[in-house]
């Protein structure tokens, strides 16, 4: 009788073991990556339709509560933007994870991502964050830290990292931060301490968990914090298990000098993955699967003299970089690739030149035109292309403020010159220097622009394809390509992809 009583009791106890503190082993094929930083890690670009298609093998651990989409702190979800917080958008982790699972069959990848726009690196130092927070309680990054991470972003990374270790193996740490510590020579050592603290608090070894550090937006892409890349370059000397991820040729968003565009985040995320995969002995080509962008407006007939501009609307483009100036949805001047620059949601992307006399000399104002063809106005005043002082951070679209410029006298006055074989130069009369991007006109040497009309991209391709049917390759701008590499081309009127 007693034996019959004991046996069911043992069976009941054995069945209850999984619910009495016995943990399942972590999956060795579930690779976890911790991510932290400021706004570029948080994600600053608006996701597009192609970015919202998830992969069931790429997961995110919610590091805060979300209302839209609905996510709960500490729960796993298929990773789609915003990954970091409700304040974020498309960022570094998105295409890092997508690229990793693509090249790691049978492996799941999870990201644990904590970031706040504008955050100094000290907010991730467990011995410094409290003082930094108390000294700057009303800064945007401080508000985000309190709202999303209980005021202690570092501890949130550790808590969520431990939770992730219950089901997977931490394989690396991703960092993108620097603008709020721009050029600080002590930055590499501060990063080293944070990295070592994370390893110690999570029971990890540096040899098993490399650190991947991304560069800031470069000068040639309009970046304001490019000087910080000197400190990023020092990381492998300060932390031997760290690896620099290059931002070379990655486009900015064309609206401010700190953030990358949606395409830029796709490229950058992939570069982080390429570095991680390289350590696993897997070589990946950067341009093998860039999402195809729709063909919209493209450069058309070019102008070849200043006189020819009279009464005409024209785009201002950098043909070599395939980028154009435009009016963003705020007053900032934008500078981005054609697809983003010529979007109908922008304030405008065409300009008209208006003559103006200053100190007895003839110059021009550049009035922004709306996508529907009307003259653009902002805050009740005509919208003209203005430059900040040469030591400022942007050019912008605003009124004249009764001095032929908004911020400085003659800041909206342009000496436009045309040089055969090079194009148009734009010297700002207020700064005395040349415009080369959406930064202030501060270049001592002229940059040359193409002033042109726009045409539908598919029409441009059709024009090429109907006149040539001899297997000649053209890019999506209609330019002949002698030796096509990876990418999308037009051949005999049809789009083809070379992989």
Protein backbone atom coordinates (compact mmCIF):
# COMPACT_ATOMS: atom_id res chain seq x y z
CA UNK A 1 0.00 0.00 0.00
CA UNK A 2 2.80 2.37 0.90
CA UNK A 3 4.72 1.46 -2.29
CA UNK A 4 1.71 2.38 -4.44
CA UNK A 5 1.62 5.77 -2.67
CA UNK A 6 5.35 6.52 -3.09
CA UNK A 7 5.58 5.71 -6.80
CA UNK A 8 2.92 8.22 -7.95
CA UNK A 9 4.52 10.82 -5.67
CA UNK A 10 7.93 10.29 -7.30
CA UNK A 11 6.38 10.52 -10.73
CA UNK A 12 4.68 13.76 -9.76
CA UNK A 13 7.94 15.24 -8.42
CA UNK A 14 9.87 14.28 -11.56
CA UNK A 15 7.21 15.86 -13.74
CA UNK A 16 7.44 19.05 -11.71
CA UNK A 17 11.22 19.43 -12.00
CA UNK A 18 11.15 21.74 -15.05
CA UNK A 19 9.03 24.15 -13.02
CA UNK A 20 11.22 24.03 -9.90
CA UNK A 21 14.30 25.92 -11.09
CA UNK A 22 15.85 23.35 -13.46
CA UNK A 23 16.88 25.37 -16.54
CA UNK A 24 17.01 24.09 -20.09
CA UNK A 25 20.45 24.36 -21.67
CA UNK A 26 21.15 27.37 -23.87
CA UNK A 27 20.97 26.65 -27.59
CA UNK A 28 24.55 26.78 -28.98
CA UNK A 29 23.08 27.72 -32.36
CA UNK A 30 21.33 30.81 -31.02
CA UNK A 31 23.91 33.61 -31.39
CA UNK A 32 23.28 36.66 -29.22
CA UNK A 33 24.76 40.12 -29.88
CA UNK A 34 24.59 43.00 -27.41
CA UNK A 35 24.24 46.42 -29.02
CA UNK A 36 24.53 49.88 -27.49
CA UNK A 37 25.15 53.52 -28.40
CA UNK A 38 23.30 56.67 -29.32
CA UNK A 39 20.90 57.65 -32.11
CA UNK A 40 22.49 55.80 -35.04
CA UNK A 41 22.31 52.59 -32.99
CA UNK A 42 18.81 53.53 -31.84
CA UNK A 43 17.83 53.94 -35.50
CA UNK A 44 17.07 57.31 -37.06
CA UNK A 45 15.65 56.46 -40.49
CA UNK A 46 12.03 55.83 -41.33
CA UNK A 47 11.66 52.14 -42.26
CA UNK A 48 10.43 51.37 -45.76
CA UNK A 49 8.28 48.44 -46.86
CA UNK A 50 11.29 46.25 -47.63
CA UNK A 51 12.55 46.72 -44.06
CA UNK A 52 9.37 45.40 -42.44
CA UNK A 53 9.72 41.87 -43.81
CA UNK A 54 11.05 39.83 -40.89
CA UNK A 55 12.95 36.54 -40.74
CA UNK A 56 11.91 34.00 -38.10
CA UNK A 57 15.59 33.23 -37.40
CA UNK A 58 16.40 36.87 -36.60
CA UNK A 59 15.01 37.85 -33.20
CA UNK A 60 15.08 40.81 -30.83
CA UNK A 61 14.77 40.81 -27.06
CA UNK A 62 12.64 43.80 -26.08
CA UNK A 63 14.76 45.92 -23.74
CA UNK A 64 11.83 48.20 -22.88
CA UNK A 65 8.07 48.23 -23.23
CA UNK A 66 6.56 49.27 -26.57
CA UNK A 67 3.06 50.49 -27.30
CA UNK A 68 3.36 50.46 -31.09
CA UNK A 69 4.15 47.79 -32.03
CA UNK A 70 3.06 46.15 -28.81
CA UNK A 71 6.12 44.59 -27.14
CA UNK A 72 6.86 43.65 -23.56
CA UNK A 73 10.17 44.05 -21.75
CA UNK A 74 12.09 40.77 -21.63
CA UNK A 75 10.13 38.99 -24.39
CA UNK A 76 11.50 37.74 -27.71
CA UNK A 77 10.03 38.89 -31.04
CA UNK A 78 10.81 38.57 -34.72
CA UNK A 79 13.10 41.53 -35.38
CA UNK A 80 11.56 44.36 -37.37
CA UNK A 81 12.11 48.08 -36.82
CA UNK A 82 12.02 49.76 -34.42
CA UNK A 83 14.20 47.22 -32.63
CA UNK A 84 15.54 49.42 -29.84
CA UNK A 85 12.67 51.50 -28.49
CA UNK A 86 9.52 53.33 -29.59
CA UNK A 87 11.74 56.39 -30.16
CA UNK A 88 13.84 54.60 -32.78
CA UNK A 89 13.57 53.59 -36.41
CA UNK A 90 15.67 51.65 -38.88
CA UNK A 91 19.15 51.30 -37.38
CA UNK A 92 22.39 49.35 -37.27
CA UNK A 93 21.04 46.08 -35.88
CA UNK A 94 18.39 45.50 -38.56
CA UNK A 95 20.56 44.51 -41.47
CA UNK A 96 23.27 43.17 -39.19
CA UNK A 97 20.91 40.41 -38.12
CA UNK A 98 19.44 39.83 -41.57
CA UNK A 99 22.88 39.43 -43.06
CA UNK A 100 24.03 37.10 -40.28
CA UNK A 101 21.16 34.62 -40.65
CA UNK A 102 21.48 34.68 -44.42
CA UNK A 103 25.04 33.39 -44.20
CA UNK A 104 24.58 31.13 -41.15
CA UNK A 105 22.12 28.38 -42.13
CA UNK A 106 20.65 26.58 -39.16
CA UNK A 107 21.57 29.41 -36.78
CA UNK A 108 19.28 31.90 -35.06
CA UNK A 109 20.56 35.39 -34.28
CA UNK A 110 19.22 37.58 -31.50
CA UNK A 111 20.01 41.18 -30.63
CA UNK A 112 19.79 42.88 -27.24
CA UNK A 113 19.86 46.57 -28.09
CA UNK A 114 19.92 49.56 -25.71
CA UNK A 115 20.49 53.08 -27.08
CA UNK A 116 19.42 56.69 -26.57
CA UNK A 117 19.71 59.50 -29.11
CA UNK A 118 22.40 62.00 -28.12
CA UNK A 119 23.73 59.89 -25.27
CA UNK A 120 27.30 60.43 -24.06
CA UNK A 121 29.35 57.26 -23.55
CA UNK A 122 29.38 57.87 -19.78
CA UNK A 123 25.72 56.81 -19.61
CA UNK A 124 26.88 53.24 -20.25
CA UNK A 125 29.53 53.34 -17.52
CA UNK A 126 28.10 51.78 -14.37
CA UNK A 127 30.21 54.04 -12.15
CA UNK A 128 29.49 57.32 -13.99
CA UNK A 129 25.92 57.15 -15.30
CA UNK A 130 24.25 58.36 -12.08
CA UNK A 131 26.28 61.55 -11.87
CA UNK A 132 25.84 62.22 -15.60
CA UNK A 133 22.10 61.76 -15.27
CA UNK A 134 21.79 64.00 -12.21
CA UNK A 135 23.80 66.75 -13.89
CA UNK A 136 21.69 66.66 -17.09
CA UNK A 137 18.16 65.62 -16.04
CA UNK A 138 16.38 67.41 -18.88
CA UNK A 139 18.55 66.34 -21.80
CA UNK A 140 16.73 64.23 -24.38
CA UNK A 141 18.99 61.24 -23.78
CA UNK A 142 18.40 61.51 -20.04
CA UNK A 143 14.64 61.52 -20.57
CA UNK A 144 14.92 58.43 -22.79
CA UNK A 145 17.15 56.67 -20.26
CA UNK A 146 14.62 57.24 -17.48
CA UNK A 147 11.60 56.48 -19.63
CA UNK A 148 12.86 53.27 -21.24
CA UNK A 149 15.63 51.90 -19.02
CA UNK A 150 14.81 52.95 -15.46
CA UNK A 151 17.59 55.54 -15.59
CA UNK A 152 20.34 52.90 -15.85
CA UNK A 153 20.99 51.79 -19.44
CA UNK A 154 24.06 49.74 -18.49
CA UNK A 155 22.14 47.62 -15.99
CA UNK A 156 19.38 47.07 -18.54
CA UNK A 157 21.97 45.63 -20.95
CA UNK A 158 23.29 43.32 -18.22
CA UNK A 159 19.83 42.20 -17.07
CA UNK A 160 18.67 41.48 -20.59
CA UNK A 161 22.02 39.93 -21.47
CA UNK A 162 21.61 37.44 -18.62
CA UNK A 163 18.11 36.66 -19.78
CA UNK A 164 19.41 36.06 -23.29
CA UNK A 165 22.07 33.71 -21.92
CA UNK A 166 19.30 31.44 -20.68
CA UNK A 167 18.48 30.52 -24.28
CA UNK A 168 21.53 31.42 -26.35
CA UNK A 169 25.24 32.24 -26.42
CA UNK A 170 26.60 35.79 -26.49
CA UNK A 171 28.91 36.03 -29.51
CA UNK A 172 29.75 39.72 -29.73
CA UNK A 173 29.03 43.34 -28.82
CA UNK A 174 28.18 46.14 -31.28
CA UNK A 175 28.79 49.81 -30.50
CA UNK A 176 27.95 52.95 -32.44
CA UNK A 177 28.49 56.14 -30.46
CA UNK A 178 30.76 59.16 -30.60
CA UNK A 179 29.10 62.42 -31.62
CA UNK A 180 28.38 63.30 -27.99
CA UNK A 181 32.05 62.64 -27.16
CA UNK A 182 33.39 63.91 -30.46
CA UNK A 183 37.18 63.65 -30.60
CA UNK A 184 37.64 62.97 -26.87
CA UNK A 185 41.05 61.25 -26.61
CA UNK A 186 39.87 59.39 -23.51
CA UNK A 187 36.92 57.85 -25.35
CA UNK A 188 38.70 54.59 -26.29
CA UNK A 189 39.64 54.02 -22.66
CA UNK A 190 36.07 54.71 -21.52
CA UNK A 191 34.81 52.18 -24.06
CA UNK A 192 37.43 49.70 -22.83
CA UNK A 193 36.17 49.96 -19.26
CA UNK A 194 32.54 49.48 -20.31
CA UNK A 195 33.48 46.47 -22.44
CA UNK A 196 35.48 44.89 -19.61
CA UNK A 197 32.64 45.54 -17.14
CA UNK A 198 30.16 43.84 -19.47
CA UNK A 199 32.40 40.81 -19.88
CA UNK A 200 32.89 40.52 -16.11
CA UNK A 201 29.22 41.02 -15.20
CA UNK A 202 28.09 38.43 -17.76
CA UNK A 203 30.87 35.91 -17.13
CA UNK A 204 32.33 36.25 -20.63
CA UNK A 205 35.82 36.06 -22.08
CA UNK A 206 37.11 38.74 -24.46
CA UNK A 207 38.49 36.07 -26.80
CA UNK A 208 34.96 34.71 -27.26
CA UNK A 209 33.12 38.05 -27.48
CA UNK A 210 34.68 40.58 -29.86
CA UNK A 211 33.69 44.25 -29.87
CA UNK A 212 32.63 45.86 -33.17
CA UNK A 213 32.87 49.67 -33.26
CA UNK A 214 31.41 51.72 -36.12
CA UNK A 215 32.74 54.98 -37.50
CA UNK A 216 30.68 58.18 -37.52
CA UNK A 217 29.37 59.86 -40.68
CA UNK A 218 32.35 60.95 -42.75
CA UNK A 219 33.15 64.51 -43.82
CA UNK A 220 32.60 63.84 -47.52
CA UNK A 221 29.06 62.69 -46.68
CA UNK A 222 28.37 65.90 -44.75
CA UNK A 223 29.28 64.53 -41.32
CA UNK A 224 29.90 66.94 -38.44
CA UNK A 225 31.55 64.38 -36.11
CA UNK A 226 34.00 62.91 -38.61
CA UNK A 227 36.94 63.91 -36.39
CA UNK A 228 35.84 61.24 -33.92
CA UNK A 229 36.88 58.54 -36.37
CA UNK A 230 40.46 59.23 -35.28
CA UNK A 231 39.48 57.88 -31.85
CA UNK A 232 37.53 54.97 -33.35
CA UNK A 233 40.65 54.00 -35.29
CA UNK A 234 42.56 53.66 -31.99
CA UNK A 235 40.22 51.00 -30.63
CA UNK A 236 42.17 47.91 -31.80
CA UNK A 237 45.26 49.23 -30.01
CA UNK A 238 43.33 49.92 -26.80
CA UNK A 239 41.14 46.81 -26.99
CA UNK A 240 42.87 44.06 -29.02
CA UNK A 241 39.59 42.15 -29.50
CA UNK A 242 37.85 45.15 -31.06
CA UNK A 243 37.26 45.69 -34.76
CA UNK A 244 36.50 48.94 -36.61
CA UNK A 245 33.53 49.01 -38.99
CA UNK A 246 34.10 51.57 -41.75
CA UNK A 247 31.56 54.23 -42.73
CA UNK A 248 33.37 55.01 -46.00
CA UNK A 249 30.90 56.06 -48.74
CA UNK A 250 27.88 55.35 -46.53
CA UNK A 251 25.31 58.09 -47.27
CA UNK A 252 23.92 60.44 -44.66
CA UNK A 253 20.25 61.27 -44.45
CA UNK A 254 20.74 64.57 -46.29
CA UNK A 255 18.97 66.49 -43.53
CA UNK A 256 21.45 66.73 -40.68
CA UNK A 257 25.18 66.09 -40.24
CA UNK A 258 24.93 63.16 -37.81
CA UNK A 259 22.65 60.44 -39.15
CA UNK A 260 22.68 57.96 -41.99
CA UNK A 261 19.92 57.39 -44.54
CA UNK A 262 17.77 54.25 -44.67
CA UNK A 263 20.06 52.91 -47.37
CA UNK A 264 23.03 53.89 -45.22
CA UNK A 265 21.75 51.83 -42.28
CA UNK A 266 21.25 48.84 -44.56
CA UNK A 267 24.83 49.09 -45.78
CA UNK A 268 26.27 49.78 -42.33
CA UNK A 269 24.39 46.93 -40.65
CA UNK A 270 25.70 44.61 -43.32
CA UNK A 271 29.25 45.84 -42.72
CA UNK A 272 28.97 45.01 -39.03
CA UNK A 273 27.87 41.51 -40.06
CA UNK A 274 30.69 41.18 -42.58
CA UNK A 275 33.22 41.85 -39.81
CA UNK A 276 31.55 39.34 -37.48
CA UNK A 277 31.33 36.68 -40.19
CA UNK A 278 34.94 37.25 -41.17
CA UNK A 279 36.01 36.15 -37.68
CA UNK A 280 34.09 32.91 -38.32
CA UNK A 281 35.99 32.35 -41.56
CA UNK A 282 33.06 33.39 -43.76
CA UNK A 283 33.82 35.93 -46.49
CA UNK A 284 30.84 37.98 -47.70
CA UNK A 285 30.63 40.52 -50.52
CA UNK A 286 29.05 43.77 -49.41
CA UNK A 287 26.88 44.40 -52.46
CA UNK A 288 25.38 40.97 -53.07
CA UNK A 289 21.81 41.63 -51.93
CA UNK A 290 21.12 45.36 -51.57
CA UNK A 291 17.33 45.84 -51.82
CA UNK A 292 16.31 47.24 -55.17
CA UNK A 293 14.99 50.77 -54.93
CA UNK A 294 12.09 51.90 -57.11
CA UNK A 295 12.89 54.02 -60.14
CA UNK A 296 11.43 57.50 -59.74
CA UNK A 297 12.53 60.89 -61.03
CA UNK A 298 16.00 61.01 -62.54
CA UNK A 299 18.26 63.76 -63.97
CA UNK A 300 17.31 64.86 -67.46
CA UNK A 301 18.40 67.67 -69.79
CA UNK A 302 21.28 69.72 -68.37
CA UNK A 303 21.72 73.51 -68.48
CA UNK A 304 24.99 74.87 -69.84
CA UNK A 305 25.00 78.58 -68.91
CA UNK A 306 23.79 80.89 -66.18
CA UNK A 307 21.63 82.81 -68.68
CA UNK A 308 19.80 79.59 -69.59
CA UNK A 309 18.50 79.32 -66.01
CA UNK A 310 16.22 82.35 -66.34
CA UNK A 311 12.59 81.39 -65.73
CA UNK A 312 13.48 77.68 -65.44
CA UNK A 313 13.08 75.20 -62.60
CA UNK A 314 16.08 72.95 -62.14
CA UNK A 315 17.53 70.30 -59.86
CA UNK A 316 20.99 70.79 -58.35
CA UNK A 317 22.81 67.47 -58.43
CA UNK A 318 26.23 65.94 -57.79
CA UNK A 319 26.28 63.58 -60.75
CA UNK A 320 29.34 61.64 -59.59
CA UNK A 321 27.82 60.91 -56.18
CA UNK A 322 24.27 60.50 -57.63
CA UNK A 323 22.94 62.89 -54.99
CA UNK A 324 20.88 66.09 -55.10
CA UNK A 325 20.01 69.07 -52.92
CA UNK A 326 16.40 69.38 -51.75
CA UNK A 327 14.16 70.99 -49.18
CA UNK A 328 13.38 68.53 -46.39
CA UNK A 329 10.11 68.40 -44.47
CA UNK A 330 11.63 70.91 -42.04
CA UNK A 331 13.71 73.97 -42.86
CA UNK A 332 17.01 72.08 -43.25
CA UNK A 333 18.59 71.70 -46.66
CA UNK A 334 18.71 68.05 -47.68
CA UNK A 335 21.39 66.27 -49.69
CA UNK A 336 20.74 62.63 -50.55
CA UNK A 337 20.56 60.03 -53.30
CA UNK A 338 18.08 60.69 -56.08
CA UNK A 339 15.32 58.44 -54.73
CA UNK A 340 15.24 60.25 -51.39
CA UNK A 341 15.94 63.73 -52.76
CA UNK A 342 13.17 63.61 -55.39
CA UNK A 343 10.48 62.17 -53.11
CA UNK A 344 7.07 63.82 -53.36
CA UNK A 345 6.94 64.08 -49.55
CA UNK A 346 9.81 66.60 -49.50
CA UNK A 347 9.15 70.34 -49.39
CA UNK A 348 10.74 70.59 -52.83
CA UNK A 349 13.66 69.50 -55.00
CA UNK A 350 13.68 72.07 -57.81
CA UNK A 351 14.98 75.64 -57.61
CA UNK A 352 14.59 78.85 -59.58
CA UNK A 353 17.25 81.57 -59.81
CA UNK A 354 16.15 85.16 -59.06
CA UNK A 355 18.48 88.06 -59.88
CA UNK A 356 19.55 90.36 -57.06
CA UNK A 357 21.98 93.30 -56.90
CA UNK A 358 24.39 93.53 -53.97
CA UNK A 359 26.93 96.35 -53.72
CA UNK A 360 26.53 97.04 -57.44
CA UNK A 361 27.14 93.42 -58.54
CA UNK A 362 24.62 90.95 -59.98
CA UNK A 363 24.04 87.70 -58.09
CA UNK A 364 21.17 85.25 -57.57
CA UNK A 365 18.79 84.01 -54.92
CA UNK A 366 17.72 80.36 -55.18
CA UNK A 367 13.98 79.94 -54.50
CA UNK A 368 12.78 76.44 -53.65
CA UNK A 369 9.85 75.15 -55.72
CA UNK A 370 7.28 72.67 -54.41
CA UNK A 371 6.84 69.22 -56.02
CA UNK A 372 3.62 70.52 -57.62
CA UNK A 373 5.48 73.40 -59.28
CA UNK A 374 4.57 76.33 -57.04
CA UNK A 375 6.97 78.64 -55.20
CA UNK A 376 7.71 77.33 -51.71
CA UNK A 377 7.03 79.44 -48.62
CA UNK A 378 7.80 78.72 -44.98
CA UNK A 379 6.34 80.50 -41.95
CA UNK A 380 4.72 83.03 -44.27
CA UNK A 381 7.96 83.98 -46.06
CA UNK A 382 9.46 82.89 -49.41
CA UNK A 383 11.78 79.92 -48.98
CA UNK A 384 15.33 80.56 -50.23
CA UNK A 385 18.53 78.54 -49.98
CA UNK A 386 20.49 80.04 -47.06
CA UNK A 387 23.86 79.24 -45.57
CA UNK A 388 24.77 79.45 -41.92
CA UNK A 389 28.16 81.04 -41.13
CA UNK A 390 31.10 79.01 -42.41
CA UNK A 391 31.68 77.58 -38.93
CA UNK A 392 28.01 76.54 -38.54
CA UNK A 393 26.63 73.06 -39.23
CA UNK A 394 24.09 73.35 -42.06
CA UNK A 395 22.49 75.21 -44.93
CA UNK A 396 18.72 75.60 -44.88
CA UNK A 397 15.58 76.91 -46.57
CA UNK A 398 14.12 80.07 -44.98
CA UNK A 399 13.38 83.73 -45.67
CA UNK A 400 15.71 86.72 -46.11
CA UNK A 401 15.23 88.56 -42.80
CA UNK A 402 15.67 91.93 -44.60
CA UNK A 403 19.40 91.39 -45.11
CA UNK A 404 19.36 88.94 -48.03
CA UNK A 405 19.86 86.13 -45.55
CA UNK A 406 18.32 84.61 -42.46
CA UNK A 407 21.31 83.97 -40.18
CA UNK A 408 23.93 86.18 -41.81
CA UNK A 409 23.91 89.12 -44.18
CA UNK A 410 23.81 87.90 -47.81
CA UNK A 411 23.58 84.31 -46.60
CA UNK A 412 20.98 83.65 -49.31
CA UNK A 413 22.93 85.38 -52.10
CA UNK A 414 24.83 83.15 -54.53
CA UNK A 415 27.47 83.88 -57.11
CA UNK A 416 26.62 81.23 -59.71
CA UNK A 417 29.28 80.51 -62.31
CA UNK A 418 29.39 77.93 -65.10
CA UNK A 419 32.61 76.32 -66.32
CA UNK A 420 32.57 74.22 -69.49
CA UNK A 421 33.26 70.56 -68.80
CA UNK A 422 32.85 70.96 -65.03
CA UNK A 423 29.45 72.47 -64.29
CA UNK A 424 28.08 75.15 -61.98
CA UNK A 425 29.73 76.45 -58.82
CA UNK A 426 27.85 78.11 -55.95
CA UNK A 427 29.79 80.71 -53.97
CA UNK A 428 27.86 82.17 -51.07
CA UNK A 429 28.31 85.94 -50.87
CA UNK A 430 27.72 85.91 -47.12
CA UNK A 431 30.46 83.39 -46.26
CA UNK A 432 32.63 84.06 -49.31
CA UNK A 433 33.02 80.30 -49.75
CA UNK A 434 31.58 77.50 -51.87
CA UNK A 435 28.73 75.07 -51.24
CA UNK A 436 29.66 71.39 -51.59
CA UNK A 437 26.83 69.63 -49.67
CA UNK A 438 24.06 70.57 -47.24
CA UNK A 439 26.71 71.86 -44.83
CA UNK A 440 27.33 75.62 -44.70
CA UNK A 441 29.08 77.13 -47.74
CA UNK A 442 32.54 76.75 -46.24
CA UNK A 443 34.74 75.21 -48.93
CA UNK A 444 37.61 77.35 -50.14
CA UNK A 445 37.67 75.43 -53.42
CA UNK A 446 34.66 75.28 -55.77
CA UNK A 447 32.55 72.14 -55.97
CA UNK A 448 30.83 71.64 -59.31
CA UNK A 449 27.14 70.85 -59.67
CA UNK A 450 24.95 69.84 -62.57
CA UNK A 451 21.81 71.98 -62.96
CA UNK A 452 19.22 69.98 -64.89
CA UNK A 453 15.60 69.20 -65.54
CA UNK A 454 14.09 65.97 -64.21
CA UNK A 455 12.37 63.15 -66.04
CA UNK A 456 10.68 59.92 -65.05
CA UNK A 457 13.30 57.24 -64.46
CA UNK A 458 11.49 54.57 -66.44
CA UNK A 459 11.14 57.00 -69.34
CA UNK A 460 14.87 57.60 -69.30
CA UNK A 461 15.50 53.88 -69.44
CA UNK A 462 12.96 53.45 -72.22
CA UNK A 463 14.74 56.12 -74.26
CA UNK A 464 17.99 54.24 -73.97
CA UNK A 465 16.54 50.81 -74.54
CA UNK A 466 14.65 51.67 -77.72
CA UNK A 467 17.65 53.24 -79.41
CA UNK A 468 20.16 50.52 -78.57
CA UNK A 469 19.55 46.78 -78.95
CA UNK A 470 23.04 45.38 -79.09
CA UNK A 471 23.59 44.02 -75.56
CA UNK A 472 25.04 47.29 -74.24
CA UNK A 473 24.68 47.75 -70.46
CA UNK A 474 23.24 50.93 -68.92
CA UNK A 475 22.80 51.89 -65.26
CA UNK A 476 19.47 53.13 -63.93
CA UNK A 477 20.40 56.71 -64.87
CA UNK A 478 20.75 55.70 -68.50
CA UNK A 479 24.56 55.93 -68.49
CA UNK A 480 26.50 53.40 -70.55
CA UNK A 481 28.57 50.95 -68.46
CA UNK A 482 31.59 49.41 -70.15
CA UNK A 483 32.37 46.78 -67.52
CA UNK A 484 29.29 46.05 -65.37
CA UNK A 485 29.87 44.53 -61.94
CA UNK A 486 27.27 43.51 -59.35
CA UNK A 487 24.07 45.52 -59.57
CA UNK A 488 20.98 46.31 -61.62
CA UNK A 489 21.31 47.30 -65.28
CA UNK A 490 19.24 47.79 -68.42
CA UNK A 491 20.12 45.61 -71.44
CA UNK A 492 18.05 45.73 -74.62
CA UNK A 493 15.21 47.40 -72.76
CA UNK A 494 15.04 44.93 -69.88
CA UNK A 495 16.31 45.15 -66.31
CA UNK A 496 18.88 42.53 -65.40
CA UNK A 497 20.65 41.79 -62.11
CA UNK A 498 24.30 40.79 -62.00
CA UNK A 499 25.13 38.93 -58.79
